């Protein structure tokens, strides 16, 4: 019975990660469009999913620890250790598929978020370049090389030959 709880917990994690992946893809499109208002709404939705994911992960940890405590032959609370001690090949195959699916989804999510980070970084560089072009530096404010200012600075208030 407890192994079914582990399966349900893993299945829940896979679904939540897939939902986050979809949100991340939406975020990519909104970043490309440059719509900040939509991006803020997506970030709120993403934050909500992350909270759900944290709860599901805590539940998974609890379920796996319960299963490991019920089976003293299992020394490690990893999926590999659980699979080694399972006798039912059907359950073993399902757990293996869930673990692979979860790993693949997490990898895709990580790649998508790296893409989003790169797009945001490029956008920030473009904004900085635009600001630099609009606001000239102080060196370019004066048109000459400052010869008048330098000759005035060399002249003394008192004439020493007088």
N, C-alpha and C. Protein backbone atom coordinates (compact mmCIF):
# COMPACT_ATOMS: atom_id res chain seq x y z
N UNK A 1 0.83 -1.20 0.00
CA UNK A 1 0.00 0.00 0.00
C UNK A 1 0.87 1.26 0.00
N UNK A 2 1.95 1.26 0.74
CA UNK A 2 2.78 2.46 0.87
C UNK A 2 3.50 2.79 -0.43
N UNK A 3 3.81 1.79 -1.24
CA UNK A 3 4.49 2.06 -2.50
C UNK A 3 3.56 2.83 -3.46
N UNK A 4 2.26 2.61 -3.31
CA UNK A 4 1.30 3.37 -4.12
C UNK A 4 1.33 4.85 -3.74
N UNK A 5 1.57 5.13 -2.47
CA UNK A 5 1.69 6.51 -2.03
C UNK A 5 2.92 7.17 -2.65
N UNK A 6 4.00 6.40 -2.75
CA UNK A 6 5.22 6.91 -3.39
C UNK A 6 4.94 7.19 -4.86
N UNK A 7 4.23 6.29 -5.52
CA UNK A 7 3.88 6.49 -6.93
C UNK A 7 3.03 7.75 -7.10
N UNK A 8 2.04 7.92 -6.24
CA UNK A 8 1.18 9.10 -6.33
C UNK A 8 1.97 10.38 -6.10
N UNK A 9 2.91 10.34 -5.15
CA UNK A 9 3.72 11.52 -4.87
C UNK A 9 4.61 11.87 -6.06
N UNK A 10 5.22 10.85 -6.67
CA UNK A 10 6.06 11.10 -7.84
C UNK A 10 5.23 11.60 -9.03
N UNK A 11 4.07 11.01 -9.20
CA UNK A 11 3.18 11.44 -10.28
C UNK A 11 2.76 12.90 -10.09
N UNK A 12 2.48 13.28 -8.88
CA UNK A 12 2.12 14.66 -8.58
C UNK A 12 3.29 15.60 -8.89
N UNK A 13 4.49 15.18 -8.54
CA UNK A 13 5.67 16.01 -8.83
C UNK A 13 5.88 16.17 -10.33
N UNK A 14 5.67 15.10 -11.08
CA UNK A 14 5.83 15.17 -12.54
C UNK A 14 4.82 16.17 -13.11
N UNK A 15 3.57 16.09 -12.68
CA UNK A 15 2.54 16.99 -13.19
C UNK A 15 2.84 18.45 -12.85
N UNK A 16 3.29 18.69 -11.63
CA UNK A 16 3.60 20.06 -11.22
C UNK A 16 4.80 20.61 -11.99
N UNK A 17 5.81 19.77 -12.21
CA UNK A 17 6.96 20.22 -12.99
C UNK A 17 6.57 20.49 -14.44
N UNK A 18 5.68 19.68 -14.99
CA UNK A 18 5.21 19.92 -16.36
C UNK A 18 4.44 21.23 -16.43
N UNK A 19 3.65 21.53 -15.40
CA UNK A 19 2.93 22.80 -15.36
C UNK A 19 3.91 23.97 -15.28
N UNK A 20 4.97 23.82 -14.49
CA UNK A 20 5.98 24.87 -14.41
C UNK A 20 6.71 25.04 -15.73
N UNK A 21 6.94 23.94 -16.43
CA UNK A 21 7.58 24.01 -17.74
C UNK A 21 6.71 24.80 -18.72
N UNK A 22 5.42 24.55 -18.68
CA UNK A 22 4.50 25.28 -19.56
C UNK A 22 4.50 26.77 -19.22
N UNK A 23 4.51 27.09 -17.94
CA UNK A 23 4.57 28.49 -17.51
C UNK A 23 5.88 29.12 -17.98
N UNK A 24 6.96 28.37 -17.90
CA UNK A 24 8.25 28.88 -18.34
C UNK A 24 8.26 29.17 -19.84
N UNK A 25 7.58 28.32 -20.60
CA UNK A 25 7.48 28.56 -22.05
C UNK A 25 6.65 29.81 -22.33
N UNK A 26 5.57 29.99 -21.56
CA UNK A 26 4.76 31.21 -21.71
C UNK A 26 5.62 32.43 -21.39
N UNK A 27 6.42 32.30 -20.36
CA UNK A 27 7.28 33.40 -19.94
C UNK A 27 8.27 33.76 -21.06
N UNK A 28 8.79 32.76 -21.76
CA UNK A 28 9.70 33.01 -22.87
C UNK A 28 9.03 33.85 -23.94
N UNK A 29 7.81 33.50 -24.30
CA UNK A 29 7.09 34.25 -25.33
C UNK A 29 6.82 35.69 -24.89
N UNK A 30 6.46 35.87 -23.63
CA UNK A 30 6.17 37.21 -23.13
C UNK A 30 7.46 38.05 -23.08
N UNK A 31 8.57 37.42 -22.73
CA UNK A 31 9.85 38.14 -22.72
C UNK A 31 10.21 38.57 -24.13
N UNK A 32 9.98 37.70 -25.09
CA UNK A 32 10.26 38.04 -26.50
C UNK A 32 9.41 39.22 -26.95
N UNK A 33 8.15 39.26 -26.50
CA UNK A 33 7.24 40.34 -26.86
C UNK A 33 7.56 41.63 -26.11
N UNK A 34 8.19 41.49 -24.95
CA UNK A 34 8.55 42.65 -24.14
C UNK A 34 7.39 43.23 -23.36
N UNK A 35 6.44 42.41 -22.99
CA UNK A 35 5.25 42.89 -22.27
C UNK A 35 5.43 42.63 -20.76
N UNK A 36 5.77 43.68 -20.05
CA UNK A 36 6.09 43.58 -18.64
C UNK A 36 4.87 43.22 -17.80
N UNK A 37 3.70 43.76 -18.15
CA UNK A 37 2.48 43.48 -17.37
C UNK A 37 2.13 41.99 -17.42
N UNK A 38 2.24 41.41 -18.61
CA UNK A 38 1.96 39.98 -18.75
C UNK A 38 3.00 39.16 -17.99
N UNK A 39 4.24 39.62 -18.03
CA UNK A 39 5.31 38.92 -17.32
C UNK A 39 5.05 38.90 -15.82
N UNK A 40 4.58 40.00 -15.28
CA UNK A 40 4.27 40.05 -13.86
C UNK A 40 3.16 39.06 -13.50
N UNK A 41 2.14 38.96 -14.33
CA UNK A 41 1.04 38.02 -14.08
C UNK A 41 1.55 36.58 -14.14
N UNK A 42 2.43 36.31 -15.09
CA UNK A 42 2.99 34.96 -15.21
C UNK A 42 3.86 34.63 -13.99
N UNK A 43 4.60 35.61 -13.50
CA UNK A 43 5.44 35.37 -12.33
C UNK A 43 4.61 35.06 -11.09
N UNK A 44 3.45 35.70 -10.98
CA UNK A 44 2.54 35.40 -9.86
C UNK A 44 2.05 33.96 -9.97
N UNK A 45 1.66 33.56 -11.18
CA UNK A 45 1.19 32.20 -11.42
C UNK A 45 2.32 31.19 -11.14
N UNK A 46 3.52 31.54 -11.55
CA UNK A 46 4.68 30.66 -11.33
C UNK A 46 4.96 30.50 -9.84
N UNK A 47 4.86 31.59 -9.10
CA UNK A 47 5.11 31.54 -7.66
C UNK A 47 4.10 30.62 -6.96
N UNK A 48 2.85 30.67 -7.41
CA UNK A 48 1.81 29.81 -6.85
C UNK A 48 2.14 28.33 -7.11
N UNK A 49 2.57 28.02 -8.34
CA UNK A 49 2.94 26.63 -8.68
C UNK A 49 4.15 26.17 -7.86
N UNK A 50 5.08 27.07 -7.63
CA UNK A 50 6.27 26.70 -6.85
C UNK A 50 5.88 26.36 -5.42
N UNK A 51 4.95 27.11 -4.85
CA UNK A 51 4.47 26.78 -3.50
C UNK A 51 3.82 25.41 -3.48
N UNK A 52 3.01 25.11 -4.51
CA UNK A 52 2.39 23.78 -4.61
C UNK A 52 3.45 22.69 -4.75
N UNK A 53 4.48 22.98 -5.51
CA UNK A 53 5.57 22.04 -5.71
C UNK A 53 6.32 21.78 -4.41
N UNK A 54 6.54 22.81 -3.63
CA UNK A 54 7.22 22.65 -2.34
C UNK A 54 6.41 21.75 -1.41
N UNK A 55 5.10 21.94 -1.40
CA UNK A 55 4.23 21.08 -0.57
C UNK A 55 4.27 19.64 -1.05
N UNK A 56 4.22 19.44 -2.38
CA UNK A 56 4.26 18.09 -2.94
C UNK A 56 5.59 17.41 -2.64
N UNK A 57 6.67 18.17 -2.68
CA UNK A 57 7.98 17.61 -2.38
C UNK A 57 8.08 17.21 -0.90
N UNK A 58 7.53 18.04 -0.02
CA UNK A 58 7.52 17.69 1.40
C UNK A 58 6.71 16.42 1.64
N UNK A 59 5.59 16.29 0.94
CA UNK A 59 4.77 15.09 1.04
C UNK A 59 5.52 13.87 0.53
N UNK A 60 6.23 14.03 -0.60
CA UNK A 60 7.02 12.92 -1.15
C UNK A 60 8.08 12.46 -0.16
N UNK A 61 8.77 13.39 0.46
CA UNK A 61 9.80 13.05 1.45
C UNK A 61 9.17 12.26 2.60
N UNK A 62 8.04 12.74 3.06
CA UNK A 62 7.35 12.07 4.17
C UNK A 62 6.92 10.65 3.79
N UNK A 63 6.37 10.49 2.61
CA UNK A 63 5.89 9.18 2.14
C UNK A 63 7.06 8.21 1.97
N UNK A 64 8.15 8.70 1.38
CA UNK A 64 9.32 7.83 1.17
C UNK A 64 9.93 7.43 2.51
N UNK A 65 10.02 8.36 3.43
CA UNK A 65 10.57 8.03 4.76
C UNK A 65 9.69 7.00 5.47
N UNK A 66 8.40 7.13 5.35
CA UNK A 66 7.48 6.15 5.94
C UNK A 66 7.71 4.78 5.32
N UNK A 67 7.83 4.73 4.01
CA UNK A 67 8.05 3.46 3.32
C UNK A 67 9.38 2.84 3.73
N UNK A 68 10.42 3.65 3.83
CA UNK A 68 11.74 3.14 4.23
C UNK A 68 11.71 2.63 5.67
N UNK A 69 10.99 3.32 6.54
CA UNK A 69 10.89 2.88 7.93
C UNK A 69 10.12 1.57 8.05
N UNK A 70 9.16 1.34 7.16
CA UNK A 70 8.39 0.09 7.19
C UNK A 70 9.18 -1.09 6.62
N UNK A 71 10.20 -0.80 5.83
CA UNK A 71 11.02 -1.84 5.21
C UNK A 71 12.47 -1.67 5.64
N UNK A 72 12.88 -2.35 6.69
CA UNK A 72 14.23 -2.17 7.23
C UNK A 72 15.35 -2.63 6.28
N UNK A 73 15.03 -3.41 5.27
CA UNK A 73 16.06 -3.85 4.32
C UNK A 73 16.57 -2.69 3.46
N UNK A 74 15.76 -1.65 3.33
CA UNK A 74 16.15 -0.48 2.54
C UNK A 74 16.97 0.45 3.44
N UNK A 75 18.20 0.69 3.02
CA UNK A 75 19.08 1.53 3.84
C UNK A 75 19.11 2.98 3.37
N UNK A 76 18.76 3.20 2.12
CA UNK A 76 18.84 4.53 1.52
C UNK A 76 17.46 4.93 1.01
N UNK A 77 17.10 6.19 1.13
CA UNK A 77 15.77 6.65 0.71
C UNK A 77 15.79 7.16 -0.73
N UNK A 78 16.62 6.57 -1.58
CA UNK A 78 16.67 6.99 -2.98
C UNK A 78 15.77 6.10 -3.82
N UNK A 79 15.44 6.57 -5.01
CA UNK A 79 14.58 5.80 -5.90
C UNK A 79 15.29 4.52 -6.34
N UNK A 80 16.59 4.57 -6.51
CA UNK A 80 17.36 3.39 -6.90
C UNK A 80 17.26 2.31 -5.83
N UNK A 81 17.39 2.72 -4.59
CA UNK A 81 17.30 1.77 -3.49
C UNK A 81 15.89 1.18 -3.38
N UNK A 82 14.89 1.99 -3.60
CA UNK A 82 13.51 1.49 -3.57
C UNK A 82 13.28 0.48 -4.68
N UNK A 83 13.78 0.78 -5.86
CA UNK A 83 13.59 -0.11 -7.01
C UNK A 83 14.30 -1.45 -6.81
N UNK A 84 15.45 -1.43 -6.17
CA UNK A 84 16.19 -2.67 -5.92
C UNK A 84 15.43 -3.62 -5.02
N UNK A 85 14.63 -3.09 -4.12
CA UNK A 85 13.94 -3.93 -3.14
C UNK A 85 12.50 -4.27 -3.53
N UNK A 86 12.06 -3.82 -4.68
CA UNK A 86 10.70 -4.14 -5.12
C UNK A 86 10.69 -5.48 -5.86
N UNK A 87 9.66 -6.27 -5.58
CA UNK A 87 9.53 -7.56 -6.24
C UNK A 87 8.59 -7.50 -7.44
N UNK A 88 7.60 -6.64 -7.37
CA UNK A 88 6.60 -6.53 -8.43
C UNK A 88 7.20 -5.76 -9.62
N UNK A 89 7.37 -6.47 -10.74
CA UNK A 89 7.99 -5.86 -11.92
C UNK A 89 7.14 -4.75 -12.52
N UNK A 90 5.83 -4.89 -12.43
CA UNK A 90 4.93 -3.87 -12.97
C UNK A 90 5.08 -2.56 -12.20
N UNK A 91 5.10 -2.65 -10.89
CA UNK A 91 5.27 -1.46 -10.05
C UNK A 91 6.67 -0.88 -10.25
N UNK A 92 7.64 -1.75 -10.37
CA UNK A 92 9.03 -1.31 -10.58
C UNK A 92 9.14 -0.53 -11.90
N UNK A 93 8.49 -1.04 -12.96
CA UNK A 93 8.53 -0.37 -14.26
C UNK A 93 7.83 0.98 -14.19
N UNK A 94 6.72 1.03 -13.49
CA UNK A 94 5.99 2.29 -13.37
C UNK A 94 6.79 3.33 -12.59
N UNK A 95 7.41 2.90 -11.50
CA UNK A 95 8.24 3.82 -10.73
C UNK A 95 9.44 4.30 -11.53
N UNK A 96 10.03 3.40 -12.31
CA UNK A 96 11.16 3.77 -13.16
C UNK A 96 10.72 4.81 -14.19
N UNK A 97 9.57 4.59 -14.81
CA UNK A 97 9.06 5.54 -15.79
C UNK A 97 8.78 6.90 -15.16
N UNK A 98 8.22 6.89 -13.97
CA UNK A 98 7.94 8.15 -13.28
C UNK A 98 9.23 8.89 -12.95
N UNK A 99 10.24 8.15 -12.48
CA UNK A 99 11.52 8.78 -12.13
C UNK A 99 12.18 9.37 -13.38
N UNK A 100 12.14 8.63 -14.48
CA UNK A 100 12.73 9.13 -15.73
C UNK A 100 11.97 10.34 -16.23
N UNK A 101 10.65 10.28 -16.18
CA UNK A 101 9.83 11.40 -16.62
C UNK A 101 10.10 12.65 -15.78
N UNK A 102 10.21 12.47 -14.48
CA UNK A 102 10.49 13.59 -13.59
C UNK A 102 11.86 14.20 -13.90
N UNK A 103 12.85 13.36 -14.10
CA UNK A 103 14.19 13.85 -14.41
C UNK A 103 14.22 14.60 -15.74
N UNK A 104 13.55 14.05 -16.75
CA UNK A 104 13.52 14.72 -18.05
C UNK A 104 12.79 16.06 -17.98
N UNK A 105 11.70 16.11 -17.24
CA UNK A 105 10.93 17.35 -17.11
C UNK A 105 11.75 18.41 -16.38
N UNK A 106 12.45 18.00 -15.34
CA UNK A 106 13.28 18.95 -14.59
C UNK A 106 14.40 19.48 -15.48
N UNK A 107 14.99 18.62 -16.30
CA UNK A 107 16.05 19.04 -17.21
C UNK A 107 15.52 20.04 -18.24
N UNK A 108 14.35 19.75 -18.81
CA UNK A 108 13.74 20.68 -19.78
C UNK A 108 13.43 22.02 -19.12
N UNK A 109 12.92 21.96 -17.90
CA UNK A 109 12.59 23.19 -17.16
C UNK A 109 13.85 24.01 -16.91
N UNK A 110 14.92 23.35 -16.54
CA UNK A 110 16.18 24.05 -16.30
C UNK A 110 16.69 24.72 -17.57
N UNK A 111 16.61 24.02 -18.70
CA UNK A 111 17.04 24.59 -19.97
C UNK A 111 16.18 25.78 -20.36
N UNK A 112 14.87 25.67 -20.16
CA UNK A 112 13.95 26.75 -20.51
C UNK A 112 14.23 27.98 -19.65
N UNK A 113 14.51 27.77 -18.37
CA UNK A 113 14.79 28.89 -17.48
C UNK A 113 16.14 29.54 -17.81
N UNK A 114 17.10 28.73 -18.27
CA UNK A 114 18.37 29.31 -18.72
C UNK A 114 18.16 30.19 -19.96
N UNK A 115 17.28 29.74 -20.85
CA UNK A 115 16.94 30.54 -22.02
C UNK A 115 16.29 31.85 -21.59
N UNK A 116 15.35 31.77 -20.66
CA UNK A 116 14.68 32.98 -20.17
C UNK A 116 15.68 33.94 -19.54
N UNK A 117 16.61 33.39 -18.79
CA UNK A 117 17.62 34.23 -18.15
C UNK A 117 18.49 34.92 -19.21
N UNK A 118 18.86 34.19 -20.25
CA UNK A 118 19.67 34.77 -21.32
C UNK A 118 18.88 35.87 -22.05
N UNK A 119 17.60 35.64 -22.30
CA UNK A 119 16.78 36.65 -22.98
C UNK A 119 16.64 37.91 -22.13
N UNK A 120 16.45 37.74 -20.85
CA UNK A 120 16.33 38.90 -19.95
C UNK A 120 17.65 39.65 -19.89
N UNK A 121 18.75 38.92 -19.85
CA UNK A 121 20.07 39.55 -19.82
C UNK A 121 20.30 40.36 -21.09
N UNK A 122 19.93 39.82 -22.24
CA UNK A 122 20.08 40.55 -23.49
C UNK A 122 19.19 41.79 -23.51
N UNK A 123 18.00 41.66 -22.98
CA UNK A 123 17.10 42.81 -22.92
C UNK A 123 17.69 43.91 -22.05
N UNK A 124 18.27 43.52 -20.93
CA UNK A 124 18.89 44.50 -20.04
C UNK A 124 20.09 45.17 -20.71
N UNK A 125 20.88 44.41 -21.46
CA UNK A 125 22.00 45.00 -22.19
C UNK A 125 21.51 45.99 -23.23
N UNK A 126 20.43 45.66 -23.92
CA UNK A 126 19.86 46.56 -24.92
C UNK A 126 19.37 47.85 -24.27
N UNK A 127 18.69 47.72 -23.14
CA UNK A 127 18.19 48.91 -22.43
C UNK A 127 19.37 49.77 -21.98
N UNK A 128 20.42 49.15 -21.46
CA UNK A 128 21.59 49.91 -21.01
C UNK A 128 22.26 50.63 -22.18
N UNK A 129 22.37 49.94 -23.32
CA UNK A 129 22.95 50.56 -24.50
C UNK A 129 22.10 51.74 -24.97
N UNK A 130 20.80 51.58 -24.96
CA UNK A 130 19.89 52.67 -25.36
C UNK A 130 20.04 53.86 -24.43
N UNK A 131 20.15 53.60 -23.12
CA UNK A 131 20.33 54.69 -22.17
C UNK A 131 21.66 55.39 -22.37
N UNK A 132 22.69 54.62 -22.67
CA UNK A 132 24.01 55.22 -22.92
C UNK A 132 23.99 56.11 -24.16
N UNK A 133 23.23 55.73 -25.17
CA UNK A 133 23.14 56.54 -26.38
C UNK A 133 22.32 57.81 -26.15
N UNK A 134 21.31 57.72 -25.32
CA UNK A 134 20.45 58.87 -25.05
C UNK A 134 21.15 59.86 -24.12
N UNK A 135 21.81 59.38 -23.10
CA UNK A 135 22.50 60.23 -22.12
C UNK A 135 23.99 60.24 -22.43
N UNK A 136 24.50 61.31 -23.02
CA UNK A 136 25.94 61.34 -23.34
C UNK A 136 26.76 61.47 -22.06
N UNK A 137 27.99 61.07 -22.15
CA UNK A 137 28.87 61.16 -20.98
C UNK A 137 29.31 62.60 -20.78
N UNK A 138 29.88 62.92 -19.64
CA UNK A 138 30.31 64.28 -19.33
C UNK A 138 31.45 64.74 -20.23
N UNK A 139 32.29 63.85 -20.70
CA UNK A 139 33.40 64.22 -21.58
C UNK A 139 32.89 64.80 -22.89
N UNK A 140 31.76 64.32 -23.36
CA UNK A 140 31.22 64.78 -24.64
C UNK A 140 30.36 66.04 -24.50
N UNK A 141 30.15 66.52 -23.30
CA UNK A 141 29.30 67.69 -23.09
C UNK A 141 29.96 68.95 -23.66
N UNK A 142 31.28 69.12 -23.54
CA UNK A 142 31.99 70.28 -24.07
C UNK A 142 32.45 69.96 -25.47
N UNK A 143 32.32 70.93 -26.36
CA UNK A 143 32.64 70.68 -27.75
C UNK A 143 34.13 70.83 -28.04
N UNK A 144 34.80 71.70 -27.35
CA UNK A 144 36.23 71.90 -27.60
C UNK A 144 37.05 71.04 -26.66
N UNK A 145 38.38 71.25 -26.74
CA UNK A 145 39.24 70.49 -25.86
C UNK A 145 39.45 71.22 -24.55
N UNK A 146 38.80 72.33 -24.37
CA UNK A 146 38.91 73.06 -23.11
C UNK A 146 40.12 73.99 -23.07
N UNK A 147 40.56 74.54 -24.22
CA UNK A 147 41.73 75.41 -24.26
C UNK A 147 41.47 76.71 -23.51
N UNK A 148 40.27 77.22 -23.63
CA UNK A 148 39.95 78.48 -22.95
C UNK A 148 40.00 78.30 -21.44
N UNK A 149 39.52 77.21 -20.98
CA UNK A 149 39.51 76.96 -19.54
C UNK A 149 40.92 76.76 -19.02
N UNK A 150 41.78 76.12 -19.80
CA UNK A 150 43.14 75.87 -19.33
C UNK A 150 43.98 77.15 -19.34
N UNK A 151 43.80 78.06 -20.32
CA UNK A 151 44.58 79.29 -20.36
C UNK A 151 44.13 80.24 -19.24
N UNK A 152 42.87 80.21 -18.93
CA UNK A 152 42.37 81.05 -17.84
C UNK A 152 42.90 80.55 -16.50
N UNK A 153 43.07 79.28 -16.38
CA UNK A 153 43.57 78.72 -15.14
C UNK A 153 45.04 79.05 -14.95
N UNK A 154 45.82 79.24 -16.04
CA UNK A 154 47.25 79.52 -15.93
C UNK A 154 47.52 80.98 -15.56
N UNK A 155 46.61 81.88 -15.89
CA UNK A 155 46.80 83.30 -15.60
C UNK A 155 46.58 83.55 -14.11
N UNK A 156 47.47 84.30 -13.53
CA UNK A 156 47.41 84.59 -12.11
C UNK A 156 46.61 85.89 -11.90
N UNK A 157 46.09 86.02 -10.73
CA UNK A 157 45.35 87.22 -10.40
C UNK A 157 46.30 88.42 -10.30
N UNK A 158 47.49 88.20 -9.77
CA UNK A 158 48.45 89.28 -9.62
C UNK A 158 49.47 89.22 -10.72
N UNK A 159 49.83 90.38 -11.25
CA UNK A 159 50.88 90.43 -12.27
C UNK A 159 52.20 90.60 -11.54
N UNK A 160 53.05 89.58 -11.64
CA UNK A 160 54.30 89.58 -10.87
C UNK A 160 55.34 90.58 -11.39
N UNK A 161 55.25 91.06 -12.64
CA UNK A 161 56.23 91.98 -13.20
C UNK A 161 55.94 93.43 -12.81
N UNK A 162 54.83 93.68 -12.24
CA UNK A 162 54.48 95.04 -11.92
C UNK A 162 55.22 95.50 -10.74
